[in-house]
C-alpha cells in the first residue's frame, strides 16, 4: 500500500511540487508568525531580538486595556465596521446577480467577453487602482475637468471625507465582482439541466426558473461564501483589503473616515516601534473575525442547514 502511494506521488511529482511550494508558503507566512501572538501579552522591545518574544516580561492584558482605552479606539472601530459593512452590502449581491444574468445569456461570444472584462480588474493591484483614482478623481483629474467644462465647481473627491467610502465601495465592486462571479457561475453549471427543461415544459417563466431552480441550487455556495465574507468582514470581506484601500487612498483630508484598525496597527507598530501594543490591536481584530465565522456558521446551519462545519 505504501509503495503504491509512493509510486502515485512520484508519477505526480511535478504537480506535487507545486502543492508543496504552496504549503511552504502558507507555513512560512501564515502559520509560523502565529508564535508572535504572544507579544500581545508581553512587554516586548525590539532591542530584545527574536528571543525577546519569549523572554520579555509577561504583562497579561495590559496592551489590550491600553488599546481599548485609547481615544482613537471608538472611531477606529467605527470606521472599520462602517467601511466593511458598506462593502459587504453593496458587493456581495452583485456577483450573484451577474452570474445569474450571464447564465441566461445565450450568445456564447457575448458571455465570454463580459466574463473576461468583468474579472480582469481582479488582477490589477490596489496600487495601480489608486493611481487610476488619482488620474480620474484628483483636483486636476478627468472628472473635475468635466465638471469645470460644464461650469461646475471642482470638488475635493480624494481629499474629502464625504467621498472616501463611496470611492472605496465603488472601486471594490469594480475590482472584485468578476472574480466572485466565476465561483457562482461554477455553482450554477453544477445544477442538473433537466430541472430547467422540466420547468420549461410545465410553463415556468424565466424568472420562475431562476427563483425556484437557480437560487436554491446555488444556495449552499452562497452560504459558504457569505460565511467567509463575514469571517473576513473586518479585513474587507469579499471586496479585497480594507487596509490597502485605506492606506493608499487615505490622507490628512479624509483621515477621520479612512483610518482603520489595520492602518493604525501599521502606524503604531512600524512607525513608533510599539510591536507588542500593535500585536494586541491586531489580535483583537482576529478574535472578532474568528467569532464572526463561528456565529455566521451557526446561524446559517440553523436557518438553511448549510455551513462550513
C-alpha atoms as a PDB file:
ATOM      1  CA  UNK A   1       0.000   0.000   0.000  1.00  0.00           C
ATOM      2  CA  UNK A   2       2.770   2.419   0.940  1.00  0.00           C
ATOM      3  CA  UNK A   3       4.679   1.519  -2.221  1.00  0.00           C
ATOM      4  CA  UNK A   4       1.593   2.306  -4.323  1.00  0.00           C
ATOM      5  CA  UNK A   5       1.218   5.696  -2.663  1.00  0.00           C
ATOM      6  CA  UNK A   6       4.897   6.446  -3.307  1.00  0.00           C
ATOM      7  CA  UNK A   7       4.514   5.467  -6.976  1.00  0.00           C
ATOM      8  CA  UNK A   8       1.498   7.736  -7.382  1.00  0.00           C
ATOM      9  CA  UNK A   9       3.351  10.558  -5.654  1.00  0.00           C
ATOM     10  CA  UNK A  10       6.399  10.096  -7.887  1.00  0.00           C
ATOM     11  CA  UNK A  11       4.219   9.968 -11.007  1.00  0.00           C
ATOM     12  CA  UNK A  12       2.667  13.280  -9.968  1.00  0.00           C
ATOM     13  CA  UNK A  13       5.945  14.737  -8.671  1.00  0.00           C
ATOM     14  CA  UNK A  14       5.732  17.928 -10.750  1.00  0.00           C
ATOM     15  CA  UNK A  15       2.210  18.667  -9.595  1.00  0.00           C
ATOM     16  CA  UNK A  16       3.073  17.692  -6.022  1.00  0.00           C
ATOM     17  CA  UNK A  17       5.980  20.121  -6.115  1.00  0.00           C
ATOM     18  CA  UNK A  18       3.540  22.977  -6.736  1.00  0.00           C
ATOM     19  CA  UNK A  19       1.439  21.768  -3.804  1.00  0.00           C
ATOM     20  CA  UNK A  20       4.475  21.592  -1.527  1.00  0.00           C
ATOM     21  CA  UNK A  21       5.514  25.115  -2.525  1.00  0.00           C
ATOM     22  CA  UNK A  22       2.044  26.354  -1.660  1.00  0.00           C
ATOM     23  CA  UNK A  23       2.130  24.549   1.672  1.00  0.00           C
ATOM     24  CA  UNK A  24       5.561  26.008   2.392  1.00  0.00           C
ATOM     25  CA  UNK A  25       4.261  29.494   1.615  1.00  0.00           C
ATOM     26  CA  UNK A  26       1.313  29.050   3.969  1.00  0.00           C
ATOM     27  CA  UNK A  27       3.560  27.680   6.712  1.00  0.00           C
ATOM     28  CA  UNK A  28       6.111  30.500   6.495  1.00  0.00           C
ATOM     29  CA  UNK A  29       3.712  33.417   6.103  1.00  0.00           C
ATOM     30  CA  UNK A  30       0.537  32.193   7.838  1.00  0.00           C
ATOM     31  CA  UNK A  31       1.406  29.612  10.481  1.00  0.00           C
ATOM     32  CA  UNK A  32       4.931  30.483  11.595  1.00  0.00           C
ATOM     33  CA  UNK A  33       4.003  34.103  12.512  1.00  0.00           C
ATOM     34  CA  UNK A  34       1.341  32.759  14.902  1.00  0.00           C
ATOM     35  CA  UNK A  35       4.098  32.324  17.506  1.00  0.00           C
ATOM     36  CA  UNK A  36       4.463  36.114  17.508  1.00  0.00           C
ATOM     37  CA  UNK A  37       0.980  36.475  19.006  1.00  0.00           C
ATOM     38  CA  UNK A  38       2.447  36.009  22.470  1.00  0.00           C
ATOM     39  CA  UNK A  39       3.953  39.514  22.069  1.00  0.00           C
ATOM     40  CA  UNK A  40       0.441  40.856  22.725  1.00  0.00           C
ATOM     41  CA  UNK A  41       0.787  39.646  26.320  1.00  0.00           C
ATOM     42  CA  UNK A  42       4.372  40.785  26.892  1.00  0.00           C
ATOM     43  CA  UNK A  43       6.371  43.976  27.205  1.00  0.00           C
ATOM     44  CA  UNK A  44       8.420  43.269  24.106  1.00  0.00           C
ATOM     45  CA  UNK A  45      11.183  45.630  22.943  1.00  0.00           C
ATOM     46  CA  UNK A  46      12.868  45.403  19.553  1.00  0.00           C
ATOM     47  CA  UNK A  47      16.267  45.553  21.244  1.00  0.00           C
ATOM     48  CA  UNK A  48      15.479  42.162  22.825  1.00  0.00           C
ATOM     49  CA  UNK A  49      15.782  40.482  19.436  1.00  0.00           C
ATOM     50  CA  UNK A  50      13.798  37.480  18.261  1.00  0.00           C
ATOM     51  CA  UNK A  51      14.302  35.558  21.506  1.00  0.00           C
ATOM     52  CA  UNK A  52      12.802  38.523  23.343  1.00  0.00           C
ATOM     53  CA  UNK A  53       9.406  37.382  22.076  1.00  0.00           C
ATOM     54  CA  UNK A  54       9.674  34.509  24.550  1.00  0.00           C
ATOM     55  CA  UNK A  55      11.846  36.086  27.285  1.00  0.00           C
ATOM     56  CA  UNK A  56      10.195  39.526  27.630  1.00  0.00           C
ATOM     57  CA  UNK A  57       8.240  40.256  30.832  1.00  0.00           C
ATOM     58  CA  UNK A  58       4.643  38.962  30.851  1.00  0.00           C
ATOM     59  CA  UNK A  59       2.123  41.818  31.270  1.00  0.00           C
ATOM     60  CA  UNK A  60      -1.153  39.978  30.736  1.00  0.00           C
ATOM     61  CA  UNK A  61      -3.936  42.095  29.216  1.00  0.00           C
ATOM     62  CA  UNK A  62      -2.155  45.425  29.722  1.00  0.00           C
ATOM     63  CA  UNK A  63      -1.718  46.086  25.979  1.00  0.00           C
ATOM     64  CA  UNK A  64      -5.371  45.270  25.304  1.00  0.00           C
ATOM     65  CA  UNK A  65      -6.571  47.587  28.074  1.00  0.00           C
ATOM     66  CA  UNK A  66      -4.372  50.349  26.687  1.00  0.00           C
ATOM     67  CA  UNK A  67      -5.776  49.816  23.183  1.00  0.00           C
ATOM     68  CA  UNK A  68      -9.402  49.821  24.377  1.00  0.00           C
ATOM     69  CA  UNK A  69      -8.697  52.958  26.417  1.00  0.00           C
ATOM     70  CA  UNK A  70      -7.051  54.796  23.523  1.00  0.00           C
ATOM     71  CA  UNK A  71      -9.040  57.855  22.427  1.00  0.00           C
ATOM     72  CA  UNK A  72      -8.793  56.596  18.843  1.00  0.00           C
ATOM     73  CA  UNK A  73     -10.363  53.195  19.556  1.00  0.00           C
ATOM     74  CA  UNK A  74     -14.061  54.185  19.145  1.00  0.00           C
ATOM     75  CA  UNK A  75     -13.648  55.869  15.781  1.00  0.00           C
ATOM     76  CA  UNK A  76     -11.146  53.242  14.555  1.00  0.00           C
ATOM     77  CA  UNK A  77     -13.745  50.557  15.259  1.00  0.00           C
ATOM     78  CA  UNK A  78     -16.491  52.689  13.716  1.00  0.00           C
ATOM     79  CA  UNK A  79     -14.517  53.391  10.540  1.00  0.00           C
ATOM     80  CA  UNK A  80     -13.565  49.726  10.166  1.00  0.00           C
ATOM     81  CA  UNK A  81     -17.108  48.436  10.649  1.00  0.00           C
ATOM     82  CA  UNK A  82     -18.822  51.088   8.510  1.00  0.00           C
ATOM     83  CA  UNK A  83     -16.438  50.539   5.602  1.00  0.00           C
ATOM     84  CA  UNK A  84     -16.643  46.741   5.886  1.00  0.00           C
ATOM     85  CA  UNK A  85     -20.435  46.590   6.188  1.00  0.00           C
ATOM     86  CA  UNK A  86     -20.926  49.058   3.310  1.00  0.00           C
ATOM     87  CA  UNK A  87     -18.674  46.987   1.054  1.00  0.00           C
ATOM     88  CA  UNK A  88     -20.423  43.753   2.069  1.00  0.00           C
ATOM     89  CA  UNK A  89     -23.926  45.136   1.463  1.00  0.00           C
ATOM     90  CA  UNK A  90     -23.119  46.520  -1.971  1.00  0.00           C
ATOM     91  CA  UNK A  91     -20.599  43.969  -3.242  1.00  0.00           C
ATOM     92  CA  UNK A  92     -21.975  40.632  -2.035  1.00  0.00           C
ATOM     93  CA  UNK A  93     -25.214  40.536  -4.114  1.00  0.00           C
ATOM     94  CA  UNK A  94     -23.526  41.860  -7.264  1.00  0.00           C
ATOM     95  CA  UNK A  95     -21.561  38.721  -8.327  1.00  0.00           C
ATOM     96  CA  UNK A  96     -24.647  36.568  -7.678  1.00  0.00           C
ATOM     97  CA  UNK A  97     -26.743  38.836  -9.893  1.00  0.00           C
ATOM     98  CA  UNK A  98     -24.079  38.949 -12.613  1.00  0.00           C
ATOM     99  CA  UNK A  99     -23.653  35.152 -12.541  1.00  0.00           C
ATOM    100  CA  UNK A 100     -27.397  34.631 -12.980  1.00  0.00           C
ATOM    101  CA  UNK A 101     -27.547  37.172 -15.818  1.00  0.00           C
ATOM    102  CA  UNK A 102     -24.572  35.584 -17.601  1.00  0.00           C
ATOM    103  CA  UNK A 103     -26.132  32.155 -17.196  1.00  0.00           C
ATOM    104  CA  UNK A 104     -29.219  33.414 -19.024  1.00  0.00           C
ATOM    105  CA  UNK A 105     -27.196  34.850 -21.913  1.00  0.00           C
ATOM    106  CA  UNK A 106     -27.389  32.514 -24.883  1.00  0.00           C
ATOM    107  CA  UNK A 107     -24.790  34.247 -27.076  1.00  0.00           C
ATOM    108  CA  UNK A 108     -21.516  32.494 -26.162  1.00  0.00           C
ATOM    109  CA  UNK A 109     -19.305  35.240 -27.578  1.00  0.00           C
ATOM    110  CA  UNK A 110     -21.058  37.985 -25.597  1.00  0.00           C
ATOM    111  CA  UNK A 111     -20.891  35.811 -22.496  1.00  0.00           C
ATOM    112  CA  UNK A 112     -17.132  35.266 -22.837  1.00  0.00           C
ATOM    113  CA  UNK A 113     -16.457  38.961 -23.466  1.00  0.00           C
ATOM    114  CA  UNK A 114     -18.471  40.058 -20.416  1.00  0.00           C
ATOM    115  CA  UNK A 115     -16.772  37.445 -18.226  1.00  0.00           C
ATOM    116  CA  UNK A 116     -13.311  38.492 -19.369  1.00  0.00           C
ATOM    117  CA  UNK A 117     -13.963  42.214 -18.990  1.00  0.00           C
ATOM    118  CA  UNK A 118     -15.514  41.744 -15.541  1.00  0.00           C
ATOM    119  CA  UNK A 119     -12.793  39.587 -13.966  1.00  0.00           C
ATOM    120  CA  UNK A 120      -9.691  41.246 -15.464  1.00  0.00           C
ATOM    121  CA  UNK A 121      -9.719  44.092 -12.876  1.00  0.00           C
ATOM    122  CA  UNK A 122      -9.172  41.470 -10.158  1.00  0.00           C
ATOM    123  CA  UNK A 123      -5.588  41.041 -11.359  1.00  0.00           C
ATOM    124  CA  UNK A 124      -4.825  44.758 -11.123  1.00  0.00           C
ATOM    125  CA  UNK A 125      -3.106  45.633  -7.839  1.00  0.00           C
ATOM    126  CA  UNK A 126      -4.610  48.190  -5.499  1.00  0.00           C
ATOM    127  CA  UNK A 127      -1.539  50.354  -6.086  1.00  0.00           C
ATOM    128  CA  UNK A 128      -2.499  50.648  -9.759  1.00  0.00           C
ATOM    129  CA  UNK A 129      -6.149  51.214  -8.836  1.00  0.00           C
ATOM    130  CA  UNK A 130      -5.135  54.079  -6.542  1.00  0.00           C
ATOM    131  CA  UNK A 131      -3.159  55.511  -9.469  1.00  0.00           C
ATOM    132  CA  UNK A 132      -6.306  55.362 -11.606  1.00  0.00           C
ATOM    133  CA  UNK A 133      -8.157  57.206  -8.851  1.00  0.00           C
ATOM    134  CA  UNK A 134      -5.508  59.935  -8.870  1.00  0.00           C
ATOM    135  CA  UNK A 135      -5.860  60.313 -12.636  1.00  0.00           C
ATOM    136  CA  UNK A 136      -9.653  60.442 -12.611  1.00  0.00           C
ATOM    137  CA  UNK A 137     -10.556  61.948  -9.229  1.00  0.00           C
ATOM    138  CA  UNK A 138      -7.837  64.430  -8.251  1.00  0.00           C
ATOM    139  CA  UNK A 139      -8.430  68.182  -8.437  1.00  0.00           C
ATOM    140  CA  UNK A 140      -6.879  68.203 -11.908  1.00  0.00           C
ATOM    141  CA  UNK A 141      -8.298  64.814 -12.858  1.00  0.00           C
ATOM    142  CA  UNK A 142     -10.675  63.819 -15.606  1.00  0.00           C
ATOM    143  CA  UNK A 143     -13.861  64.169 -13.571  1.00  0.00           C
ATOM    144  CA  UNK A 144     -13.018  67.622 -12.265  1.00  0.00           C
ATOM    145  CA  UNK A 145     -12.056  68.715 -15.783  1.00  0.00           C
ATOM    146  CA  UNK A 146     -15.518  67.624 -16.917  1.00  0.00           C
ATOM    147  CA  UNK A 147     -17.106  69.497 -14.011  1.00  0.00           C
ATOM    148  CA  UNK A 148     -15.157  72.624 -14.938  1.00  0.00           C
ATOM    149  CA  UNK A 149     -16.114  72.260 -18.605  1.00  0.00           C
ATOM    150  CA  UNK A 150     -19.784  72.144 -17.585  1.00  0.00           C
ATOM    151  CA  UNK A 151     -19.350  75.242 -15.437  1.00  0.00           C
ATOM    152  CA  UNK A 152     -19.421  73.395 -12.133  1.00  0.00           C
ATOM    153  CA  UNK A 153     -17.031  73.912  -9.263  1.00  0.00           C
ATOM    154  CA  UNK A 154     -14.160  71.451  -8.852  1.00  0.00           C
ATOM    155  CA  UNK A 155     -14.625  69.095  -5.887  1.00  0.00           C
ATOM    156  CA  UNK A 156     -12.225  67.520  -3.415  1.00  0.00           C
ATOM    157  CA  UNK A 157     -13.093  63.957  -4.377  1.00  0.00           C
ATOM    158  CA  UNK A 158      -9.975  62.287  -2.961  1.00  0.00           C
ATOM    159  CA  UNK A 159      -9.345  64.559  -0.009  1.00  0.00           C
ATOM    160  CA  UNK A 160     -12.958  64.953   1.076  1.00  0.00           C
ATOM    161  CA  UNK A 161     -14.285  62.760   3.878  1.00  0.00           C
ATOM    162  CA  UNK A 162     -17.732  62.537   2.295  1.00  0.00           C
ATOM    163  CA  UNK A 163     -16.443  60.763  -0.820  1.00  0.00           C
ATOM    164  CA  UNK A 164     -13.919  58.282   0.610  1.00  0.00           C
ATOM    165  CA  UNK A 165     -16.364  55.490   1.434  1.00  0.00           C
ATOM    166  CA  UNK A 166     -18.189  55.907  -1.873  1.00  0.00           C
ATOM    167  CA  UNK A 167     -14.900  55.613  -3.772  1.00  0.00           C
ATOM    168  CA  UNK A 168     -13.808  52.626  -1.655  1.00  0.00           C
ATOM    169  CA  UNK A 169     -17.069  50.742  -2.258  1.00  0.00           C
ATOM    170  CA  UNK A 170     -17.189  51.551  -5.971  1.00  0.00           C
ATOM    171  CA  UNK A 171     -13.578  50.521  -6.639  1.00  0.00           C
ATOM    172  CA  UNK A 172     -14.118  47.303  -4.649  1.00  0.00           C
ATOM    173  CA  UNK A 173     -17.193  46.493  -6.734  1.00  0.00           C
ATOM    174  CA  UNK A 174     -15.308  47.181  -9.976  1.00  0.00           C
ATOM    175  CA  UNK A 175     -12.243  45.169  -8.969  1.00  0.00           C
ATOM    176  CA  UNK A 176     -13.674  42.114  -7.208  1.00  0.00           C
ATOM    177  CA  UNK A 177     -17.112  41.378  -8.708  1.00  0.00           C
ATOM    178  CA  UNK A 178     -15.908  39.489 -11.773  1.00  0.00           C
ATOM    179  CA  UNK A 179     -13.733  37.104  -9.775  1.00  0.00           C
ATOM    180  CA  UNK A 180     -16.514  36.030  -7.406  1.00  0.00           C
ATOM    181  CA  UNK A 181     -18.910  35.763 -10.344  1.00  0.00           C
ATOM    182  CA  UNK A 182     -16.805  32.818 -11.552  1.00  0.00           C
ATOM    183  CA  UNK A 183     -17.496  30.989  -8.263  1.00  0.00           C
ATOM    184  CA  UNK A 184     -21.258  31.394  -8.586  1.00  0.00           C
ATOM    185  CA  UNK A 185     -21.225  30.549 -12.289  1.00  0.00           C
ATOM    186  CA  UNK A 186     -19.435  27.312 -11.466  1.00  0.00           C
ATOM    187  CA  UNK A 187     -22.140  26.539  -8.905  1.00  0.00           C
ATOM    188  CA  UNK A 188     -24.857  27.216 -11.480  1.00  0.00           C
ATOM    189  CA  UNK A 189     -23.261  24.880 -14.019  1.00  0.00           C
ATOM    190  CA  UNK A 190     -23.496  22.119 -11.405  1.00  0.00           C
ATOM    191  CA  UNK A 191     -27.301  22.281 -11.422  1.00  0.00           C
ATOM    192  CA  UNK A 192     -28.957  19.452 -13.345  1.00  0.00           C
ATOM    193  CA  UNK A 193     -30.194  20.913 -16.668  1.00  0.00           C
ATOM    194  CA  UNK A 194     -33.136  18.504 -16.690  1.00  0.00           C
ATOM    195  CA  UNK A 195     -34.710  20.606 -13.959  1.00  0.00           C
ATOM    196  CA  UNK A 196     -34.781  23.617 -16.278  1.00  0.00           C
ATOM    197  CA  UNK A 197     -36.161  21.511 -19.136  1.00  0.00           C
ATOM    198  CA  UNK A 198     -38.933  20.091 -16.964  1.00  0.00           C
ATOM    199  CA  UNK A 199     -39.833  23.540 -15.624  1.00  0.00           C
ATOM    200  CA  UNK A 200     -39.921  24.963 -19.147  1.00  0.00           C
ATOM    201  CA  UNK A 201     -42.237  22.167 -20.296  1.00  0.00           C
ATOM    202  CA  UNK A 202     -44.502  22.910 -17.319  1.00  0.00           C
ATOM    203  CA  UNK A 203     -44.710  26.531 -18.472  1.00  0.00           C
ATOM    204  CA  UNK A 204     -42.424  28.170 -15.888  1.00  0.00           C
ATOM    205  CA  UNK A 205     -41.190  31.610 -16.898  1.00  0.00           C
ATOM    206  CA  UNK A 206     -37.504  32.547 -16.867  1.00  0.00           C
ATOM    207  CA  UNK A 207     -37.891  34.438 -13.573  1.00  0.00           C
ATOM    208  CA  UNK A 208     -39.651  31.450 -12.025  1.00  0.00           C
ATOM    209  CA  UNK A 209     -36.854  29.120 -13.137  1.00  0.00           C
ATOM    210  CA  UNK A 210     -34.338  31.470 -11.560  1.00  0.00           C
ATOM    211  CA  UNK A 211     -36.324  31.737  -8.323  1.00  0.00           C
ATOM    212  CA  UNK A 212     -37.158  28.040  -7.887  1.00  0.00           C
ATOM    213  CA  UNK A 213     -34.202  26.270  -9.521  1.00  0.00           C
ATOM    214  CA  UNK A 214     -31.151  28.526  -9.844  1.00  0.00           C
ATOM    215  CA  UNK A 215     -31.288  30.243  -6.463  1.00  0.00           C
ATOM    216  CA  UNK A 216     -31.921  27.066  -4.401  1.00  0.00           C
ATOM    217  CA  UNK A 217     -29.258  25.301  -6.463  1.00  0.00           C
ATOM    218  CA  UNK A 218     -26.551  27.817  -5.568  1.00  0.00           C
ATOM    219  CA  UNK A 219     -27.748  28.430  -2.001  1.00  0.00           C
ATOM    220  CA  UNK A 220     -25.029  26.208  -0.448  1.00  0.00           C
ATOM    221  CA  UNK A 221     -22.345  28.169  -2.335  1.00  0.00           C
ATOM    222  CA  UNK A 222     -23.917  31.482  -1.337  1.00  0.00           C
ATOM    223  CA  UNK A 223     -23.963  30.344   2.302  1.00  0.00           C
ATOM    224  CA  UNK A 224     -20.317  29.278   2.326  1.00  0.00           C
ATOM    225  CA  UNK A 225     -19.171  32.465   0.575  1.00  0.00           C
ATOM    226  CA  UNK A 226     -21.246  34.603   2.954  1.00  0.00           C
ATOM    227  CA  UNK A 227     -19.698  32.881   5.984  1.00  0.00           C
ATOM    228  CA  UNK A 228     -16.217  33.501   4.566  1.00  0.00           C
ATOM    229  CA  UNK A 229     -17.130  37.117   3.812  1.00  0.00           C
ATOM    230  CA  UNK A 230     -18.441  37.679   7.347  1.00  0.00           C
ATOM    231  CA  UNK A 231     -15.365  35.999   8.783  1.00  0.00           C
ATOM    232  CA  UNK A 232     -13.198  38.462   6.906  1.00  0.00           C
ATOM    233  CA  UNK A 233     -15.632  41.344   7.437  1.00  0.00           C
ATOM    234  CA  UNK A 234     -13.128  43.424   9.418  1.00  0.00           C
ATOM    235  CA  UNK A 235     -10.485  42.843   6.763  1.00  0.00           C
ATOM    236  CA  UNK A 236     -12.700  43.693   3.786  1.00  0.00           C
ATOM    237  CA  UNK A 237     -14.955  40.716   3.141  1.00  0.00           C
ATOM    238  CA  UNK A 238     -15.259  39.668  -0.490  1.00  0.00           C
ATOM    239  CA  UNK A 239     -14.101  43.007  -1.745  1.00  0.00           C
ATOM    240  CA  UNK A 240     -10.375  42.969  -1.185  1.00  0.00           C
ATOM    241  CA  UNK A 241      -8.402  44.531   1.605  1.00  0.00           C
ATOM    242  CA  UNK A 242      -9.674  47.447   3.672  1.00  0.00           C
ATOM    243  CA  UNK A 243      -6.053  48.110   4.577  1.00  0.00           C
ATOM    244  CA  UNK A 244      -4.852  48.665   1.011  1.00  0.00           C
ATOM    245  CA  UNK A 245      -7.721  50.994   0.192  1.00  0.00           C
ATOM    246  CA  UNK A 246      -7.394  52.983   3.411  1.00  0.00           C
ATOM    247  CA  UNK A 247      -3.607  53.131   3.220  1.00  0.00           C
ATOM    248  CA  UNK A 248      -3.408  54.129  -0.452  1.00  0.00           C
ATOM    249  CA  UNK A 249      -6.464  56.402  -0.671  1.00  0.00           C
ATOM    250  CA  UNK A 250      -6.286  57.768   2.868  1.00  0.00           C
ATOM    251  CA  UNK A 251      -4.795  61.210   3.534  1.00  0.00           C
ATOM    252  CA  UNK A 252      -4.994  64.016   6.045  1.00  0.00           C
ATOM    253  CA  UNK A 253      -8.141  65.320   4.373  1.00  0.00           C
ATOM    254  CA  UNK A 254     -10.163  62.147   4.936  1.00  0.00           C
ATOM    255  CA  UNK A 255      -8.319  60.668   7.936  1.00  0.00           C
ATOM    256  CA  UNK A 256     -11.438  60.877  10.100  1.00  0.00           C
ATOM    257  CA  UNK A 257     -13.104  58.190   7.949  1.00  0.00           C
ATOM    258  CA  UNK A 258     -10.160  56.392   6.293  1.00  0.00           C
ATOM    259  CA  UNK A 259      -8.107  55.443   9.360  1.00  0.00           C
ATOM    260  CA  UNK A 260      -8.994  51.891  10.408  1.00  0.00           C
ATOM    261  CA  UNK A 261      -7.602  49.318  12.826  1.00  0.00           C
ATOM    262  CA  UNK A 262      -5.200  47.868  10.240  1.00  0.00           C
ATOM    263  CA  UNK A 263      -3.632  51.206   9.290  1.00  0.00           C
ATOM    264  CA  UNK A 264      -3.400  52.092  12.977  1.00  0.00           C
ATOM    265  CA  UNK A 265      -1.567  48.811  13.660  1.00  0.00           C
ATOM    266  CA  UNK A 266       0.927  49.633  10.901  1.00  0.00           C
ATOM    267  CA  UNK A 267       1.466  53.155  12.186  1.00  0.00           C
ATOM    268  CA  UNK A 268       1.807  52.257  15.849  1.00  0.00           C
ATOM    269  CA  UNK A 269       3.869  49.134  15.172  1.00  0.00           C
ATOM    270  CA  UNK A 270       6.382  50.123  12.499  1.00  0.00           C
ATOM    271  CA  UNK A 271       6.458  53.905  12.847  1.00  0.00           C
ATOM    272  CA  UNK A 272       6.583  54.009  16.644  1.00  0.00           C
ATOM    273  CA  UNK A 273       8.129  50.595  17.282  1.00  0.00           C
ATOM    274  CA  UNK A 274       5.405  49.504  19.725  1.00  0.00           C
ATOM    275  CA  UNK A 275       5.241  45.946  18.467  1.00  0.00           C
ATOM    276  CA  UNK A 276       3.560  44.386  21.490  1.00  0.00           C
ATOM    277  CA  UNK A 277       0.815  47.022  21.517  1.00  0.00           C
ATOM    278  CA  UNK A 278       0.291  46.676  17.748  1.00  0.00           C
ATOM    279  CA  UNK A 279       0.119  42.888  18.094  1.00  0.00           C
ATOM    280  CA  UNK A 280      -2.610  43.241  20.701  1.00  0.00           C
ATOM    281  CA  UNK A 281      -4.615  45.516  18.393  1.00  0.00           C
ATOM    282  CA  UNK A 282      -4.191  43.077  15.500  1.00  0.00           C
ATOM    283  CA  UNK A 283      -5.134  40.101  17.675  1.00  0.00           C
ATOM    284  CA  UNK A 284      -8.316  41.894  18.739  1.00  0.00           C
ATOM    285  CA  UNK A 285      -9.299  42.140  15.074  1.00  0.00           C
ATOM    286  CA  UNK A 286      -8.515  38.455  14.514  1.00  0.00           C
ATOM    287  CA  UNK A 287     -10.654  37.444  17.501  1.00  0.00           C
ATOM    288  CA  UNK A 288     -13.592  39.407  16.080  1.00  0.00           C
ATOM    289  CA  UNK A 289     -13.140  37.705  12.694  1.00  0.00           C
ATOM    290  CA  UNK A 290     -12.977  34.242  14.271  1.00  0.00           C
ATOM    291  CA  UNK A 291     -16.097  34.964  16.325  1.00  0.00           C
ATOM    292  CA  UNK A 292     -17.959  36.146  13.237  1.00  0.00           C
ATOM    293  CA  UNK A 293     -17.095  32.893  11.427  1.00  0.00           C
ATOM    294  CA  UNK A 294     -18.483  30.795  14.296  1.00  0.00           C
ATOM    295  CA  UNK A 295     -21.636  32.891  14.712  1.00  0.00           C
ATOM    296  CA  UNK A 296     -22.412  33.134  10.990  1.00  0.00           C
ATOM    297  CA  UNK A 297     -21.820  29.389  10.527  1.00  0.00           C
ATOM    298  CA  UNK A 298     -24.134  28.601  13.461  1.00  0.00           C
ATOM    299  CA  UNK A 299     -26.886  30.906  12.178  1.00  0.00           C
ATOM    300  CA  UNK A 300     -26.553  29.589   8.603  1.00  0.00           C
ATOM    301  CA  UNK A 301     -26.871  25.972   9.755  1.00  0.00           C
ATOM    302  CA  UNK A 302     -29.929  26.792  11.873  1.00  0.00           C
ATOM    303  CA  UNK A 303     -31.657  28.636   9.021  1.00  0.00           C
ATOM    304  CA  UNK A 304     -30.676  26.719   5.878  1.00  0.00           C
ATOM    305  CA  UNK A 305     -28.915  23.617   7.141  1.00  0.00           C
ATOM    306  CA  UNK A 306     -25.793  24.621   5.187  1.00  0.00           C
ATOM    307  CA  UNK A 307     -22.459  25.671   6.695  1.00  0.00           C
ATOM    308  CA  UNK A 308     -18.705  25.268   6.680  1.00  0.00           C
ATOM    309  CA  UNK A 309     -18.629  22.732   9.522  1.00  0.00           C
END
